[in-house]
Every structure is written in C-alpha cells, then in structure tokens.
C-alpha cells in the first residue's frame, strides 16, 4: 500500500509498504479519506521532541473507509461495511482499528467525507461544557471545531458570541448560528464588547478552541464568576501560564475537554452520527479543501496558513 512518512520538519514522502494485518479484535480498513487535524502542525514543524521518520501513515487519525479484513474474534459481518474510525496511521491507503473504535455509517452518507474522530470530539466537548438555554456562550476560535460547537450551542438555545481572526471565520460562525461576532484583534476591546453585550456579567460558559496562549488568557477574562472555562484547544507547543489570581477570585470551573478513553470517543462519534442523521449537524462546506495523498504536505501547510475560505483539509484515499 501507499503511505505517507514524515521524514523531517515540513517534509513528507509517499512510500510503498506492506499492508498491516489485523490482530485479535481488529479490523483492516480500506480508507476512503482522512481529515487533517490541526494537532499535526506542531509535529510537522519539527520540535525538539519530534522523531523522524514517522511510522507509515502516522499522525493520521480521522479516517473513514470500508472494512476489508477482520482479525480473530471479530464478526465477519463487518466485511464491506463503511465506517468512521479512530485509528492512528490513517495517512495511508489501509489502516487497522480496534473493533470498539469504529462506527458503522449509513448508506445515506455514502460518498461524503465523515471524519468521525473530530465530530466525536465536538460532541464530547459540548457535553462537558454543560451549556443551557439562555446562557451567553463565548467561543474563541472558529475553525472546524469552533463552528461545530457554535451550531450545537446555538441549537441548545444559548446566545453564542463568536470570536475569531478571519472575516470568513466570523461569516461561518453566523451561518452556524452565532448571534454576535467579534474580530479577534484587540484584547481589551474584545473584553469591553463582551461586557457590553452581557451588561457586565460576562459569560457563564467560554470555550477556547485555538490552543494558543493569548486565546487562553482571553478566555479567562471573558468567563463570569462561577462560570465554566472549557479548554478545547490542543496546547502541545510548550508550557502555558494562567492567571490563577483571576481564576481563584472568580471561582472558575476549568474543564480540559480532551478525551483519551476509547469508549468515550466512540460515544461522542455515535452522538455525532445521530446529530448528522437528524439534521442537527450539517457538514456542508466544513470539509472545505480536498487533497490526494501525495499532496499531504500542501494540506498541512494549508491547515497552518488557512487560505481564503479554509475550514478543514482532508485527504482523499480512494
């Protein structure tokens, strides 16, 4: 099979490697596509802790495709089933996944990208945010994840205040249901605008979906007393400083909304599939930029640089 191998900072090769064999409890997927996650950008940049070359297909974890083979203990009824999966070498034509980490997809979604893992993340983050009707909810960073959370929060009856850098992101937030949008330009101007919108109360729920220091600082400033600050951004490029004085004084609940339990991942993926089937979540335009496997480097660069209209890149594998 063909698989991507990162050979150094900003360098990728496509190599011919053996297809993996499914072990007990595993399925082999003939992948149709894989979403490109922003968490790939730090390894792509080549920090000191990164080791090259990567394993074939490594970093890809948002794949979907058709079950082509099963290992011992897995029912043959899976064969031929189109699935979304949480696997870890999905920048390749084939990958292995544990049976409990795959989700059957209905025929109605045939031909459509379905990155189950980030969709499941959005549902799990939303659940842990405990958003209620009538609340003011600030969402900082409107990419793929922030857009999904905007939709979920607005459908729950919250008033969403979307904060992001790019005008196209703010346009996207409005399409997803945001009541208010604020350009992410001036720290103090953003705080003043949110104070004005909330009559000085600030927001009982704030979701930081960027993964950088400034948005985390801003999130704390926008969270009301006894509010819930939800860290959805993936902070992997170094230590963070937080204003513990502010967090203490306001009595904030701080939620690190990343999951690692495969069962919880799958619950989120199942909830996302239900939301898509029921029309509560629509993916139209969110998987905005498509690339073949041999242009994975361009897809990663686009994820970093975010050209006009960019929301999420995905790799077509079949």
Protein backbone atom coordinates (compact mmCIF):
# COMPACT_ATOMS: atom_id res chain seq x y z
CA UNK A 1 0.00 0.00 0.00
CA UNK A 2 0.97 3.66 -0.28
CA UNK A 3 1.53 5.51 2.98
CA UNK A 4 2.82 8.94 3.96
CA UNK A 5 6.01 9.16 6.02
CA UNK A 6 7.19 12.42 7.54
CA UNK A 7 10.96 12.47 7.06
CA UNK A 8 11.77 15.81 8.69
CA UNK A 9 10.29 19.22 9.51
CA UNK A 10 7.99 20.15 6.64
CA UNK A 11 8.99 17.09 4.58
CA UNK A 12 6.84 14.11 3.60
CA UNK A 13 7.39 11.11 1.32
CA UNK A 14 4.90 8.61 -0.05
CA UNK A 15 6.30 5.07 0.32
CA UNK A 16 5.19 1.60 -0.67
CA UNK A 17 4.89 -0.52 2.47
CA UNK A 18 3.18 -3.82 3.39
CA UNK A 19 -0.48 -3.74 4.30
CA UNK A 20 -0.99 -4.21 8.04
CA UNK A 21 -2.52 -7.47 9.23
CA UNK A 22 -5.40 -7.24 11.72
CA UNK A 23 -4.76 -8.85 15.07
CA UNK A 24 -7.31 -10.04 17.63
CA UNK A 25 -10.20 -7.60 17.94
CA UNK A 26 -9.02 -5.52 14.99
CA UNK A 27 -10.37 -4.62 11.57
CA UNK A 28 -8.44 -3.52 8.48
CA UNK A 29 -9.94 -0.56 6.66
CA UNK A 30 -9.51 0.31 3.02
CA UNK A 31 -9.51 4.02 3.67
CA UNK A 32 -11.51 6.44 1.56
CA UNK A 33 -10.37 9.60 3.28
CA UNK A 34 -8.78 11.14 6.36
CA UNK A 35 -9.25 14.56 7.88
CA UNK A 36 -6.20 16.72 8.59
CA UNK A 37 -6.07 17.73 12.25
CA UNK A 38 -4.50 20.97 13.45
CA UNK A 39 -2.75 18.90 16.12
CA UNK A 40 -0.47 17.67 13.29
CA UNK A 41 1.03 21.14 12.86
CA UNK A 42 3.44 21.03 15.79
CA UNK A 43 4.95 17.67 14.72
CA UNK A 44 5.02 18.97 11.11
CA UNK A 45 7.11 21.93 12.30
CA UNK A 46 9.65 19.55 13.87
CA UNK A 47 10.00 20.48 17.56
CA UNK A 48 12.90 19.03 19.56
CA UNK A 49 10.78 16.17 20.90
CA UNK A 50 9.67 15.02 17.45
CA UNK A 51 11.35 11.92 16.00
CA UNK A 52 11.65 11.34 12.25
CA UNK A 53 10.82 9.40 10.20
CA UNK A 54 7.30 8.73 11.40
CA UNK A 55 5.66 5.34 11.10
CA UNK A 56 3.86 4.88 7.76
CA UNK A 57 0.56 6.73 7.87
CA UNK A 58 1.45 8.23 11.25
CA UNK A 59 -0.37 11.30 12.61
CA UNK A 60 -3.49 10.49 10.56
CA UNK A 61 -6.33 9.72 12.98
CA UNK A 62 -9.52 11.00 11.33
CA UNK A 63 -10.11 8.24 8.78
CA UNK A 64 -13.14 6.62 7.22
CA UNK A 65 -13.47 3.76 4.77
CA UNK A 66 -14.65 0.20 4.19
CA UNK A 67 -13.81 -2.85 6.33
CA UNK A 68 -11.70 -5.13 4.14
CA UNK A 69 -10.47 -7.76 6.61
CA UNK A 70 -11.06 -8.76 10.23
CA UNK A 71 -8.87 -10.32 12.85
CA UNK A 72 -9.58 -13.17 15.26
CA UNK A 73 -12.66 -12.61 17.39
CA UNK A 74 -14.27 -10.07 15.05
CA UNK A 75 -17.52 -10.98 13.28
CA UNK A 76 -17.31 -11.28 9.51
CA UNK A 77 -20.49 -9.21 9.33
CA UNK A 78 -18.21 -6.16 9.41
CA UNK A 79 -16.79 -7.02 6.00
CA UNK A 80 -17.85 -4.50 3.36
CA UNK A 81 -19.26 -2.09 5.97
CA UNK A 82 -18.41 1.58 5.50
CA UNK A 83 -17.24 3.01 8.84
CA UNK A 84 -15.84 6.04 10.56
CA UNK A 85 -12.88 5.17 12.74
CA UNK A 86 -10.46 6.29 15.38
CA UNK A 87 -7.15 4.89 14.18
CA UNK A 88 -3.63 6.23 14.22
CA UNK A 89 -1.96 5.58 10.86
CA UNK A 90 -4.65 6.86 8.51
CA UNK A 91 -2.47 8.87 6.11
CA UNK A 92 -2.32 5.67 4.10
CA UNK A 93 -4.46 3.51 1.87
CA UNK A 94 -5.12 1.00 4.69
CA UNK A 95 -5.12 1.14 8.46
CA UNK A 96 -6.05 -1.01 11.46
CA UNK A 97 -8.62 -0.06 14.07
CA UNK A 98 -9.92 -1.78 17.18
CA UNK A 99 -13.50 -3.01 16.84
CA UNK A 100 -14.70 -0.70 19.60
CA UNK A 101 -13.18 2.30 17.76
CA UNK A 102 -15.22 2.01 14.56
CA UNK A 103 -18.70 3.26 13.80
CA UNK A 104 -20.95 1.89 11.02
CA UNK A 105 -22.04 4.61 8.62
CA UNK A 106 -25.45 4.52 6.94
CA UNK A 107 -25.82 4.40 3.14
CA UNK A 108 -27.24 7.94 3.21
CA UNK A 109 -23.70 9.21 3.91
CA UNK A 110 -22.05 7.29 1.06
CA UNK A 111 -19.64 9.46 -0.89
CA UNK A 112 -19.48 12.13 1.81
CA UNK A 113 -16.43 12.85 3.98
CA UNK A 114 -17.07 11.73 7.55
CA UNK A 115 -14.15 12.44 9.93
CA UNK A 116 -15.73 10.68 12.88
CA UNK A 117 -12.98 11.45 15.42
CA UNK A 118 -13.21 15.29 15.40
CA UNK A 119 -17.00 15.11 15.15
CA UNK A 120 -16.97 12.94 18.26
CA UNK A 121 -14.62 15.43 19.94
CA UNK A 122 -17.10 18.24 19.28
CA UNK A 123 -19.94 16.28 20.83
CA UNK A 124 -17.88 15.35 23.90
CA UNK A 125 -16.67 18.91 24.38
CA UNK A 126 -20.23 20.17 24.09
CA UNK A 127 -21.41 17.64 26.69
CA UNK A 128 -18.72 18.68 29.15
CA UNK A 129 -19.47 22.36 28.61
CA UNK A 130 -22.96 21.89 30.13
CA UNK A 131 -24.46 24.65 28.01
CA UNK A 132 -28.05 25.60 28.77
CA UNK A 133 -30.74 27.63 27.03
CA UNK A 134 -30.49 31.34 27.76
CA UNK A 135 -26.79 31.34 28.56
CA UNK A 136 -24.25 33.64 26.91
CA UNK A 137 -21.51 31.44 25.46
CA UNK A 138 -18.26 32.85 24.06
CA UNK A 139 -16.43 30.60 21.61
CA UNK A 140 -12.87 31.67 20.81
CA UNK A 141 -11.57 30.32 17.51
CA UNK A 142 -13.97 29.42 14.71
CA UNK A 143 -12.36 26.65 12.74
CA UNK A 144 -13.91 23.24 12.14
CA UNK A 145 -14.31 22.53 15.87
CA UNK A 146 -15.43 26.02 16.82
CA UNK A 147 -18.00 26.04 14.02
CA UNK A 148 -19.50 22.73 15.18
CA UNK A 149 -19.65 23.97 18.77
CA UNK A 150 -21.32 27.17 17.61
CA UNK A 151 -24.03 25.11 15.92
CA UNK A 152 -24.53 22.87 18.95
CA UNK A 153 -24.63 25.73 21.45
CA UNK A 154 -26.99 27.87 19.39
CA UNK A 155 -29.33 24.90 18.87
CA UNK A 156 -29.34 24.41 22.64
CA UNK A 157 -30.81 27.90 22.99
CA UNK A 158 -27.63 29.72 24.06
CA UNK A 159 -26.61 33.10 22.67
CA UNK A 160 -23.24 32.46 21.04
CA UNK A 161 -20.63 35.19 20.86
CA UNK A 162 -18.07 34.02 18.30
CA UNK A 163 -14.54 35.45 18.39
CA UNK A 164 -12.08 34.73 15.60
CA UNK A 165 -9.35 36.34 13.48
CA UNK A 166 -10.59 35.96 9.93
CA UNK A 167 -13.69 37.64 8.48
CA UNK A 168 -14.55 34.38 6.69
CA UNK A 169 -14.49 32.57 10.05
CA UNK A 170 -16.89 35.11 11.51
CA UNK A 171 -19.14 34.68 8.47
CA UNK A 172 -19.06 30.92 9.08
CA UNK A 173 -19.96 31.45 12.74
CA UNK A 174 -23.01 33.47 11.74
CA UNK A 175 -24.10 30.71 9.35
CA UNK A 176 -23.73 28.22 12.20
CA UNK A 177 -25.99 30.27 14.45
CA UNK A 178 -23.80 32.80 16.28
CA UNK A 179 -25.80 35.79 17.49
CA UNK A 180 -22.77 38.06 17.80
CA UNK A 181 -19.31 38.06 16.23
CA UNK A 182 -16.18 39.91 17.33
CA UNK A 183 -12.90 40.16 15.40
CA UNK A 184 -10.01 38.76 17.43
CA UNK A 185 -7.80 41.82 17.16
CA UNK A 186 -7.62 43.82 20.38
CA UNK A 187 -7.66 42.08 23.77
CA UNK A 188 -9.23 44.89 25.76
CA UNK A 189 -11.70 45.84 23.03
CA UNK A 190 -12.97 42.25 22.95
CA UNK A 191 -13.49 42.23 26.73
CA UNK A 192 -15.28 45.58 26.58
CA UNK A 193 -17.56 44.35 23.79
CA UNK A 194 -18.50 41.20 25.69
CA UNK A 195 -19.13 43.23 28.83
CA UNK A 196 -21.45 45.49 26.85
CA UNK A 197 -23.31 42.55 25.32
CA UNK A 198 -23.80 40.88 28.72
CA UNK A 199 -24.47 44.05 30.80
CA UNK A 200 -21.21 43.45 32.63
CA UNK A 201 -21.94 39.89 33.66
CA UNK A 202 -19.55 38.25 31.16
CA UNK A 203 -20.22 34.66 30.03
CA UNK A 204 -21.09 31.68 32.21
CA UNK A 205 -19.58 29.45 29.51
CA UNK A 206 -16.44 30.17 27.48
CA UNK A 207 -14.86 27.67 25.08
CA UNK A 208 -11.25 28.22 23.98
CA UNK A 209 -10.76 26.36 20.68
CA UNK A 210 -7.40 27.67 19.44
CA UNK A 211 -4.64 26.08 21.52
CA UNK A 212 -2.51 29.21 21.98
CA UNK A 213 -1.57 31.39 24.96
CA UNK A 214 -3.46 34.57 24.08
CA UNK A 215 -6.83 32.87 23.46
CA UNK A 216 -6.43 31.06 26.78
CA UNK A 217 -5.75 34.38 28.55
CA UNK A 218 -8.74 35.92 26.83
CA UNK A 219 -10.97 33.01 27.77
CA UNK A 220 -10.27 33.55 31.46
CA UNK A 221 -11.07 37.26 31.17
CA UNK A 222 -14.42 36.55 29.49
CA UNK A 223 -15.63 33.91 31.96
CA UNK A 224 -18.14 35.12 34.55
CA UNK A 225 -17.88 34.47 38.27
CA UNK A 226 -18.50 30.78 38.98
CA UNK A 227 -18.50 30.22 35.22
CA UNK A 228 -17.06 27.32 33.27
CA UNK A 229 -13.94 27.80 31.14
CA UNK A 230 -13.66 24.92 28.67
CA UNK A 231 -10.24 24.25 27.13
CA UNK A 232 -10.93 22.63 23.75
CA UNK A 233 -7.77 23.87 22.01
CA UNK A 234 -4.87 21.43 21.89
CA UNK A 235 -1.93 23.05 23.72
CA UNK A 236 1.08 20.99 22.66
CA UNK A 237 3.71 23.57 21.69
CA UNK A 238 5.01 24.34 25.18
CA UNK A 239 4.00 25.29 28.74
CA UNK A 240 1.22 27.78 29.44
CA UNK A 241 0.88 30.44 32.07
CA UNK A 242 -2.52 31.11 33.61
CA UNK A 243 -3.81 33.93 35.78
CA UNK A 244 -4.53 31.90 38.88
CA UNK A 245 -5.41 35.09 40.75
CA UNK A 246 -8.23 35.76 38.31
CA UNK A 247 -9.33 32.14 38.20
CA UNK A 248 -9.31 31.96 42.03
CA UNK A 249 -11.14 35.26 42.51
CA UNK A 250 -13.92 34.33 40.10
CA UNK A 251 -14.15 30.73 41.32
CA UNK A 252 -13.98 29.32 37.81
CA UNK A 253 -14.53 25.70 36.87
CA UNK A 254 -11.81 24.86 34.33
CA UNK A 255 -12.53 21.85 32.11
CA UNK A 256 -9.83 20.20 30.00
CA UNK A 257 -12.21 18.75 27.43
CA UNK A 258 -9.88 16.27 25.72
CA UNK A 259 -10.74 12.59 25.95
CA UNK A 260 -8.46 9.57 25.81
CA UNK A 261 -10.86 6.78 26.80
CA UNK A 262 -11.76 4.89 23.56
CA UNK A 263 -15.26 4.18 24.90
CA UNK A 264 -15.90 7.89 25.44
CA UNK A 265 -14.51 8.64 21.98
CA UNK A 266 -16.95 6.15 20.47
CA UNK A 267 -19.88 7.60 22.45
CA UNK A 268 -19.06 11.00 21.01
CA UNK A 269 -18.78 9.57 17.49
CA UNK A 270 -22.16 7.86 17.88
CA UNK A 271 -23.73 11.10 19.14
CA UNK A 272 -22.26 12.96 16.17
CA UNK A 273 -23.66 10.44 13.72
CA UNK A 274 -27.12 10.78 15.28
CA UNK A 275 -26.87 14.57 15.06
CA UNK A 276 -25.91 14.40 11.38
CA UNK A 277 -28.66 11.90 10.57
CA UNK A 278 -31.24 14.08 12.36
CA UNK A 279 -30.04 17.23 10.60
CA UNK A 280 -28.85 18.93 13.78
CA UNK A 281 -25.29 18.96 12.42
CA UNK A 282 -24.60 19.66 8.78
CA UNK A 283 -21.14 19.20 7.33
CA UNK A 284 -21.79 21.20 4.14
CA UNK A 285 -18.69 23.25 3.39
CA UNK A 286 -16.84 22.30 6.57
CA UNK A 287 -14.52 19.80 4.85
CA UNK A 288 -13.51 22.61 2.56
CA UNK A 289 -10.19 21.61 0.95
CA UNK A 290 -9.54 18.20 -0.62
CA UNK A 291 -6.08 16.81 -1.48
CA UNK A 292 -4.69 13.49 -2.75
CA UNK A 293 -2.25 11.61 -0.53
CA UNK A 294 0.80 12.80 -2.44
CA UNK A 295 -0.15 16.40 -1.59
CA UNK A 296 -0.36 15.83 2.16
CA UNK A 297 2.36 18.45 2.69
CA UNK A 298 0.22 21.05 0.94
CA UNK A 299 -2.76 20.05 3.08
CA UNK A 300 -0.72 20.53 6.26
CA UNK A 301 0.58 23.88 5.04
CA UNK A 302 -2.98 24.99 4.26
CA UNK A 303 -4.07 23.91 7.74
CA UNK A 304 -1.32 26.15 9.11
CA UNK A 305 -1.77 29.12 6.76
CA UNK A 306 -5.57 28.98 6.35
CA UNK A 307 -6.14 30.36 2.85
CA UNK A 308 -9.35 32.19 1.99
CA UNK A 309 -12.39 30.05 2.72
CA UNK A 310 -10.42 27.36 4.53
CA UNK A 311 -12.18 25.38 7.27
CA UNK A 312 -10.71 21.88 7.16
CA UNK A 313 -8.48 19.89 4.80
CA UNK A 314 -8.99 16.22 4.07
CA UNK A 315 -7.04 13.61 2.14
CA UNK A 316 -8.85 11.56 -0.49
CA UNK A 317 -7.53 8.00 -0.40
CA UNK A 318 -9.95 6.19 -2.75
